[in-house]
């Protein structure tokens, strides 16, 4: 069976009122919880008004009492930016408050301005620190009499000030035993991160802004890492992201894609600019007008949009390229002036499209 989930960076217009953006995102989580989506993932960024959620853990905590079953994923916590003890403690707290509805998504950080802000502009250091941070967090969650972790970039210890009888020097363990599942995002074809995730047993999440042919390389890479560690994972562990909008007609879909000021044009304009800044290929003065045509083309190539029949056809074509996976993570975009259309789309995906896709997966990839 194919599960549905929600993934939000989130990305909103840079000058949009934060309170409106936060409430829009909260209401979307509440909607998909009622529609029986299994997971809601929220990103973390510090230095962008367009990506205004600075803590997925705080955001998710605000929804615990208003939701029933949905699991909360951090998509992702940028580990090189924070001390592992802080993350271990906060994730444990959220896990207890939600009674085990937590998945800890981690990463090295994807926003170039955050790299500069936190002094993490060395890519190799970011990658290694992420891995070391996960290892350090897991050590925090073990029943150790004292604490020592030493890696290439992290050196953490707690040995002198411990009074176990009073709880001094001891750490809060998560609600889930031994701890929440760990997830990591994937982007590049034949991803080394996918291999690492397979080796570690982490949940792989393929991004929504990646070509289907590149996503198709992620699960084989994951299996390669899993085989090395003696693991035999099922494909239902794999999460795959996609931007999907069911419109009233294909003509309406074309109008949305061809709107230079539309939600998808803005989305890829932002992503392309961040990517250029990260790679060092952007000039000091980004010319938005010159960048816009490429952003609009990318939206047309990657967004799954159209009436319900068209979206089903496009998703089946997507599955044929990518292969079987367990959860389709639908991207939460800015509603703009089309809130009812977006809510209708998420509803139709759950009520009409998901059963068809589940049946197709079962028939095509039956063991």
Protein backbone atom coordinates (compact mmCIF):
# COMPACT_ATOMS: atom_id res chain seq x y z
CA UNK A 1 0.00 0.00 0.00
CA UNK A 2 1.22 3.48 -0.83
CA UNK A 3 1.04 5.93 2.08
CA UNK A 4 0.71 9.68 1.72
CA UNK A 5 2.66 12.31 3.64
CA UNK A 6 3.22 16.06 3.64
CA UNK A 7 6.59 17.78 3.26
CA UNK A 8 7.06 21.51 3.76
CA UNK A 9 10.27 23.52 3.52
CA UNK A 10 8.10 25.65 3.83
CA UNK A 11 8.52 28.32 1.14
CA UNK A 12 6.44 31.49 1.16
CA UNK A 13 6.80 34.94 -0.43
CA UNK A 14 9.71 36.69 1.29
CA UNK A 15 7.54 39.60 2.45
CA UNK A 16 4.52 37.58 3.60
CA UNK A 17 3.34 38.08 7.17
CA UNK A 18 4.94 35.34 9.29
CA UNK A 19 1.83 34.76 11.37
CA UNK A 20 -0.23 34.12 8.23
CA UNK A 21 2.41 31.74 6.85
CA UNK A 22 2.69 29.77 10.09
CA UNK A 23 -1.07 29.41 10.45
CA UNK A 24 -1.42 28.39 6.79
CA UNK A 25 1.15 25.65 7.37
CA UNK A 26 -0.51 24.54 10.61
CA UNK A 27 -3.91 24.30 8.97
CA UNK A 28 -2.48 22.15 6.19
CA UNK A 29 -1.09 19.69 8.73
CA UNK A 30 -4.46 19.56 10.48
CA UNK A 31 -6.17 18.89 7.15
CA UNK A 32 -3.90 16.03 6.12
CA UNK A 33 -4.16 14.48 9.58
CA UNK A 34 -7.93 14.29 9.11
CA UNK A 35 -7.36 12.80 5.65
CA UNK A 36 -5.20 10.03 7.16
CA UNK A 37 -1.87 11.16 5.76
CA UNK A 38 0.76 9.30 7.76
CA UNK A 39 3.49 11.93 8.17
CA UNK A 40 4.06 15.69 8.15
CA UNK A 41 7.63 16.94 7.66
CA UNK A 42 8.77 20.47 8.43
CA UNK A 43 12.06 22.12 7.49
CA UNK A 44 14.51 24.27 9.44
CA UNK A 45 16.11 27.49 8.23
CA UNK A 46 17.40 30.46 10.17
CA UNK A 47 18.42 33.18 7.73
CA UNK A 48 15.59 33.38 5.20
CA UNK A 49 12.27 35.17 5.54
CA UNK A 50 11.01 33.00 2.65
CA UNK A 51 11.66 29.84 4.70
CA UNK A 52 10.51 31.17 8.07
CA UNK A 53 10.38 28.07 10.28
CA UNK A 54 13.47 28.16 12.48
CA UNK A 55 12.57 25.05 14.48
CA UNK A 56 10.56 22.10 13.12
CA UNK A 57 10.44 20.74 16.67
CA UNK A 58 8.70 23.82 18.07
CA UNK A 59 6.38 24.00 15.07
CA UNK A 60 5.43 20.33 15.42
CA UNK A 61 4.91 20.67 19.17
CA UNK A 62 2.21 23.27 18.47
CA UNK A 63 0.18 20.60 16.66
CA UNK A 64 0.31 17.67 19.07
CA UNK A 65 -2.96 18.32 20.86
CA UNK A 66 -4.83 19.15 17.66
CA UNK A 67 -3.88 16.01 15.71
CA UNK A 68 -4.64 12.37 16.25
CA UNK A 69 -2.35 10.01 14.38
CA UNK A 70 0.04 11.82 12.09
CA UNK A 71 3.76 11.45 12.76
CA UNK A 72 5.93 14.54 12.91
CA UNK A 73 9.15 14.58 10.91
CA UNK A 74 11.90 17.16 11.03
CA UNK A 75 12.83 17.76 7.43
CA UNK A 76 15.60 18.36 8.33
CA UNK A 77 17.44 19.43 11.46
CA UNK A 78 20.76 20.87 10.27
CA UNK A 79 23.03 19.16 12.76
CA UNK A 80 26.30 21.08 12.18
CA UNK A 81 24.52 24.23 13.35
CA UNK A 82 23.68 23.00 16.85
CA UNK A 83 25.18 21.05 19.73
CA UNK A 84 24.11 17.38 19.67
CA UNK A 85 23.01 17.52 23.33
CA UNK A 86 20.49 20.24 22.50
CA UNK A 87 18.98 18.18 19.67
CA UNK A 88 18.96 14.98 21.74
CA UNK A 89 17.12 16.72 24.55
CA UNK A 90 14.59 18.52 22.36
CA UNK A 91 13.77 15.47 20.24
CA UNK A 92 13.32 13.39 23.41
CA UNK A 93 10.94 16.00 24.82
CA UNK A 94 8.85 16.15 21.64
CA UNK A 95 8.79 12.35 21.50
CA UNK A 96 7.35 12.19 25.03
CA UNK A 97 4.84 14.99 24.49
CA UNK A 98 3.57 13.35 21.30
CA UNK A 99 3.67 9.81 22.73
CA UNK A 100 6.11 8.58 20.11
CA UNK A 101 4.91 10.42 16.99
CA UNK A 102 8.39 11.65 16.02
CA UNK A 103 10.81 10.91 13.17
CA UNK A 104 14.17 12.66 13.43
CA UNK A 105 15.15 13.88 9.97
CA UNK A 106 18.72 15.17 9.87
CA UNK A 107 21.02 16.83 7.38
CA UNK A 108 24.17 18.86 6.94
CA UNK A 109 22.23 22.04 6.09
CA UNK A 110 21.06 23.23 2.68
CA UNK A 111 20.77 27.01 2.94
CA UNK A 112 23.95 28.83 1.96
CA UNK A 113 23.22 31.88 4.13
CA UNK A 114 22.90 29.57 7.15
CA UNK A 115 26.31 28.10 6.29
CA UNK A 116 27.81 31.57 6.47
CA UNK A 117 25.85 32.51 9.59
CA UNK A 118 27.02 29.48 11.57
CA UNK A 119 30.52 29.27 10.09
CA UNK A 120 29.82 26.02 8.25
CA UNK A 121 31.04 26.84 4.75
CA UNK A 122 33.37 23.82 4.60
CA UNK A 123 31.31 21.10 2.86
CA UNK A 124 33.44 18.21 4.06
CA UNK A 125 33.27 19.42 7.65
CA UNK A 126 29.49 19.80 7.42
CA UNK A 127 29.05 16.25 6.13
CA UNK A 128 31.31 14.64 8.72
CA UNK A 129 29.87 16.73 11.57
CA UNK A 130 26.37 15.58 10.61
CA UNK A 131 27.39 11.92 10.88
CA UNK A 132 29.28 12.49 14.12
CA UNK A 133 26.32 14.39 15.57
CA UNK A 134 23.97 11.47 14.93
CA UNK A 135 26.42 9.11 16.59
CA UNK A 136 26.76 11.49 19.55
CA UNK A 137 22.98 11.84 19.91
CA UNK A 138 22.49 8.08 19.94
CA UNK A 139 25.15 7.84 22.67
CA UNK A 140 23.21 10.41 24.72
CA UNK A 141 20.19 8.13 24.48
CA UNK A 142 21.98 5.07 25.86
CA UNK A 143 22.15 4.08 29.53
CA UNK A 144 25.75 5.07 30.10
CA UNK A 145 27.25 5.76 33.53
CA UNK A 146 29.29 8.55 31.98
CA UNK A 147 29.51 10.13 28.56
CA UNK A 148 32.35 10.37 26.08
CA UNK A 149 32.27 10.97 22.35
CA UNK A 150 35.25 11.95 20.25
CA UNK A 151 35.27 12.31 16.48
CA UNK A 152 37.18 14.39 13.98
CA UNK A 153 35.18 17.53 14.75
CA UNK A 154 33.22 16.72 17.92
CA UNK A 155 34.67 16.10 21.35
CA UNK A 156 32.01 15.81 24.06
CA UNK A 157 32.27 14.41 27.57
CA UNK A 158 30.40 14.37 30.86
CA UNK A 159 32.26 12.44 33.54
CA UNK A 160 32.93 14.63 36.58
CA UNK A 161 29.57 16.03 37.63
CA UNK A 162 27.32 12.97 37.88
CA UNK A 163 25.04 12.03 40.78
CA UNK A 164 22.89 9.27 39.36
CA UNK A 165 20.63 8.97 42.39
CA UNK A 166 19.50 12.56 41.87
CA UNK A 167 19.50 12.40 38.09
CA UNK A 168 22.37 14.86 37.79
CA UNK A 169 24.47 14.22 34.70
CA UNK A 170 21.83 11.92 33.15
CA UNK A 171 19.92 12.47 29.91
CA UNK A 172 16.22 12.25 29.05
CA UNK A 173 15.70 9.18 26.86
CA UNK A 174 13.07 9.30 24.09
CA UNK A 175 9.59 7.84 24.45
CA UNK A 176 10.28 5.41 21.59
CA UNK A 177 12.61 2.53 22.37
CA UNK A 178 15.48 2.71 21.64
CA UNK A 179 14.83 6.04 19.89
CA UNK A 180 12.83 7.65 17.02
CA UNK A 181 13.68 6.54 13.52
CA UNK A 182 16.32 8.65 11.80
CA UNK A 183 15.81 9.99 8.28
CA UNK A 184 18.03 11.78 5.80
CA UNK A 185 17.27 13.71 2.60
CA UNK A 186 18.69 12.71 -0.79
CA UNK A 187 19.39 14.90 -3.78
CA UNK A 188 22.22 13.83 -6.08
CA UNK A 189 22.07 10.81 -8.47
CA UNK A 190 23.88 7.71 -7.18
CA UNK A 191 23.91 9.46 -3.83
CA UNK A 192 26.65 8.63 -1.33
CA UNK A 193 24.19 9.78 1.35
CA UNK A 194 21.78 7.10 0.12
CA UNK A 195 24.48 4.46 0.58
CA UNK A 196 25.22 5.78 4.06
CA UNK A 197 21.52 5.72 4.92
CA UNK A 198 21.26 2.11 3.75
CA UNK A 199 24.27 1.15 5.83
CA UNK A 200 22.88 2.88 8.93
CA UNK A 201 19.27 1.79 8.44
CA UNK A 202 18.02 5.38 8.19
CA UNK A 203 14.89 6.39 6.28
CA UNK A 204 15.77 7.77 2.80
CA UNK A 205 13.81 10.79 1.55
CA UNK A 206 14.19 11.74 -2.11
CA UNK A 207 13.54 15.44 -2.74
CA UNK A 208 10.60 16.75 -4.74
CA UNK A 209 12.77 19.06 -6.90
CA UNK A 210 14.80 16.24 -8.49
CA UNK A 211 14.33 14.63 -11.90
CA UNK A 212 12.64 11.22 -11.77
CA UNK A 213 15.62 9.55 -13.50
CA UNK A 214 17.91 10.78 -10.72
CA UNK A 215 15.50 9.62 -8.01
CA UNK A 216 15.51 6.18 -9.64
CA UNK A 217 19.19 5.84 -8.63
CA UNK A 218 18.50 6.40 -4.93
CA UNK A 219 16.99 3.05 -3.92
CA UNK A 220 19.67 0.95 -5.67
CA UNK A 221 22.31 3.06 -3.90
CA UNK A 222 20.46 2.59 -0.61
CA UNK A 223 20.34 -1.17 -1.14
CA UNK A 224 24.07 -1.19 -1.85
CA UNK A 225 24.75 0.36 1.54
CA UNK A 226 22.24 -1.90 3.26
CA UNK A 227 23.83 -5.01 1.75
CA UNK A 228 27.23 -3.91 3.03
CA UNK A 229 25.78 -3.79 6.56
CA UNK A 230 23.86 -7.05 6.20
CA UNK A 231 20.47 -5.34 6.09
CA UNK A 232 17.53 -6.33 3.87
CA UNK A 233 15.17 -3.32 3.82
CA UNK A 234 11.78 -3.31 2.15
CA UNK A 235 10.99 -0.53 -0.31
CA UNK A 236 8.16 0.71 1.93
CA UNK A 237 10.87 2.43 3.99
CA UNK A 238 11.57 4.82 1.10
CA UNK A 239 9.91 8.24 1.04
CA UNK A 240 9.72 10.12 -2.27
CA UNK A 241 8.74 13.77 -2.60
CA UNK A 242 6.76 15.45 -5.38
CA UNK A 243 4.94 18.72 -5.94
CA UNK A 244 1.38 17.84 -6.94
CA UNK A 245 -1.65 20.01 -7.64
CA UNK A 246 -4.97 18.69 -8.93
CA UNK A 247 -6.67 21.53 -10.78
CA UNK A 248 -10.20 21.88 -12.09
CA UNK A 249 -8.95 21.58 -15.65
CA UNK A 250 -5.74 21.22 -17.63
CA UNK A 251 -6.26 24.75 -18.92
CA UNK A 252 -6.16 26.02 -15.35
CA UNK A 253 -2.98 24.03 -14.76
CA UNK A 254 -1.32 25.68 -17.77
CA UNK A 255 -2.33 29.12 -16.54
CA UNK A 256 -0.70 28.41 -13.17
CA UNK A 257 2.52 27.10 -14.71
CA UNK A 258 2.73 30.00 -17.17
CA UNK A 259 2.25 32.66 -14.52
CA UNK A 260 5.66 34.34 -13.99
CA UNK A 261 4.46 35.52 -10.58
CA UNK A 262 2.89 32.20 -9.67
CA UNK A 263 3.68 29.87 -6.80
CA UNK A 264 5.77 27.43 -8.85
CA UNK A 265 7.72 30.12 -10.70
CA UNK A 266 8.65 31.65 -7.35
CA UNK A 267 9.46 28.24 -5.87
CA UNK A 268 12.04 27.30 -8.48
CA UNK A 269 13.37 30.84 -8.77
CA UNK A 270 14.22 30.60 -5.07
CA UNK A 271 15.66 27.07 -5.26
CA UNK A 272 17.74 27.82 -8.35
CA UNK A 273 19.16 30.95 -6.72
CA UNK A 274 20.06 29.10 -3.51
CA UNK A 275 21.72 26.38 -5.58
CA UNK A 276 23.78 28.91 -7.56
CA UNK A 277 24.87 30.69 -4.39
CA UNK A 278 25.89 27.37 -2.85
CA UNK A 279 27.90 26.33 -5.91
CA UNK A 280 29.53 29.73 -6.23
CA UNK A 281 28.22 30.23 -9.77
CA UNK A 282 25.94 33.16 -8.90
CA UNK A 283 27.07 36.71 -9.48
CA UNK A 284 26.90 39.19 -6.63
CA UNK A 285 23.79 40.78 -8.09
CA UNK A 286 21.24 38.13 -8.99
CA UNK A 287 19.15 39.25 -11.96
CA UNK A 288 15.71 37.86 -11.15
CA UNK A 289 14.35 38.69 -14.61
CA UNK A 290 17.09 36.68 -16.33
CA UNK A 291 16.65 33.75 -13.94
CA UNK A 292 12.87 33.51 -14.31
CA UNK A 293 12.61 31.61 -17.65
CA UNK A 294 14.78 28.77 -16.35
CA UNK A 295 12.73 28.58 -13.16
CA UNK A 296 9.49 28.37 -15.13
CA UNK A 297 10.90 25.66 -17.38
CA UNK A 298 11.96 23.63 -14.36
CA UNK A 299 8.49 23.95 -12.88
CA UNK A 300 6.96 22.63 -16.11
CA UNK A 301 9.40 19.70 -16.10
CA UNK A 302 8.94 18.67 -12.46
CA UNK A 303 5.51 19.74 -11.17
CA UNK A 304 2.77 17.12 -11.44
CA UNK A 305 -0.28 19.24 -12.20
CA UNK A 306 -3.55 18.95 -14.09
CA UNK A 307 -7.03 17.58 -13.64
CA UNK A 308 -7.40 14.41 -11.59
CA UNK A 309 -7.11 12.07 -14.56
CA UNK A 310 -3.98 13.83 -15.82
CA UNK A 311 -2.34 13.75 -12.38
CA UNK A 312 -3.02 10.03 -12.04
CA UNK A 313 -1.44 9.38 -15.44
CA UNK A 314 1.60 11.51 -14.58
CA UNK A 315 2.06 9.79 -11.21
CA UNK A 316 1.87 6.34 -12.81
CA UNK A 317 4.48 7.45 -15.34
CA UNK A 318 6.59 8.74 -12.45
CA UNK A 319 6.29 5.42 -10.58
CA UNK A 320 7.26 3.51 -13.72
CA UNK A 321 10.52 5.49 -13.85
CA UNK A 322 11.34 5.61 -10.14
CA UNK A 323 10.18 2.16 -9.07
CA UNK A 324 8.19 1.18 -5.97
CA UNK A 325 8.35 3.23 -2.78
CA UNK A 326 6.38 3.32 0.46
CA UNK A 327 5.32 6.93 1.00
CA UNK A 328 4.59 9.74 -1.43
CA UNK A 329 5.45 13.02 0.30
CA UNK A 330 3.41 15.80 -1.29
CA UNK A 331 5.00 19.22 -1.06
CA UNK A 332 3.16 21.90 0.85
CA UNK A 333 3.43 25.11 -1.18
CA UNK A 334 2.24 28.62 -0.43
CA UNK A 335 -1.54 28.82 -0.87
CA UNK A 336 -1.53 32.35 -2.25
CA UNK A 337 -5.09 33.14 -3.27
CA UNK A 338 -5.85 29.49 -4.07
CA UNK A 339 -6.39 27.94 -0.66
CA UNK A 340 -9.57 26.08 -1.65
CA UNK A 341 -7.86 24.64 -4.73
CA UNK A 342 -4.92 23.36 -2.67
CA UNK A 343 -7.17 21.89 0.03
CA UNK A 344 -9.26 20.21 -2.67
CA UNK A 345 -6.10 18.76 -4.23
CA UNK A 346 -4.84 17.26 -0.97
CA UNK A 347 -8.32 15.84 -0.36
CA UNK A 348 -8.63 14.28 -3.82
CA UNK A 349 -5.15 12.77 -3.47
CA UNK A 350 -6.28 10.94 -0.32
CA UNK A 351 -9.79 9.99 -1.33
CA UNK A 352 -9.45 9.27 -5.06
CA UNK A 353 -5.84 9.03 -6.22
CA UNK A 354 -4.10 7.13 -3.42
CA UNK A 355 -6.30 3.99 -3.77
CA UNK A 356 -5.59 3.86 -7.51
CA UNK A 357 -1.83 4.25 -7.03
CA UNK A 358 -1.79 1.63 -4.26
CA UNK A 359 -3.56 -0.84 -6.52
CA UNK A 360 -1.16 -0.07 -9.38
CA UNK A 361 1.90 -0.59 -7.17
CA UNK A 362 0.54 -3.88 -5.86
CA UNK A 363 -0.15 -5.20 -9.36
CA UNK A 364 3.06 -3.98 -10.98
CA UNK A 365 5.54 -4.75 -8.23
CA UNK A 366 3.98 -7.75 -6.51
CA UNK A 367 6.68 -9.98 -5.06
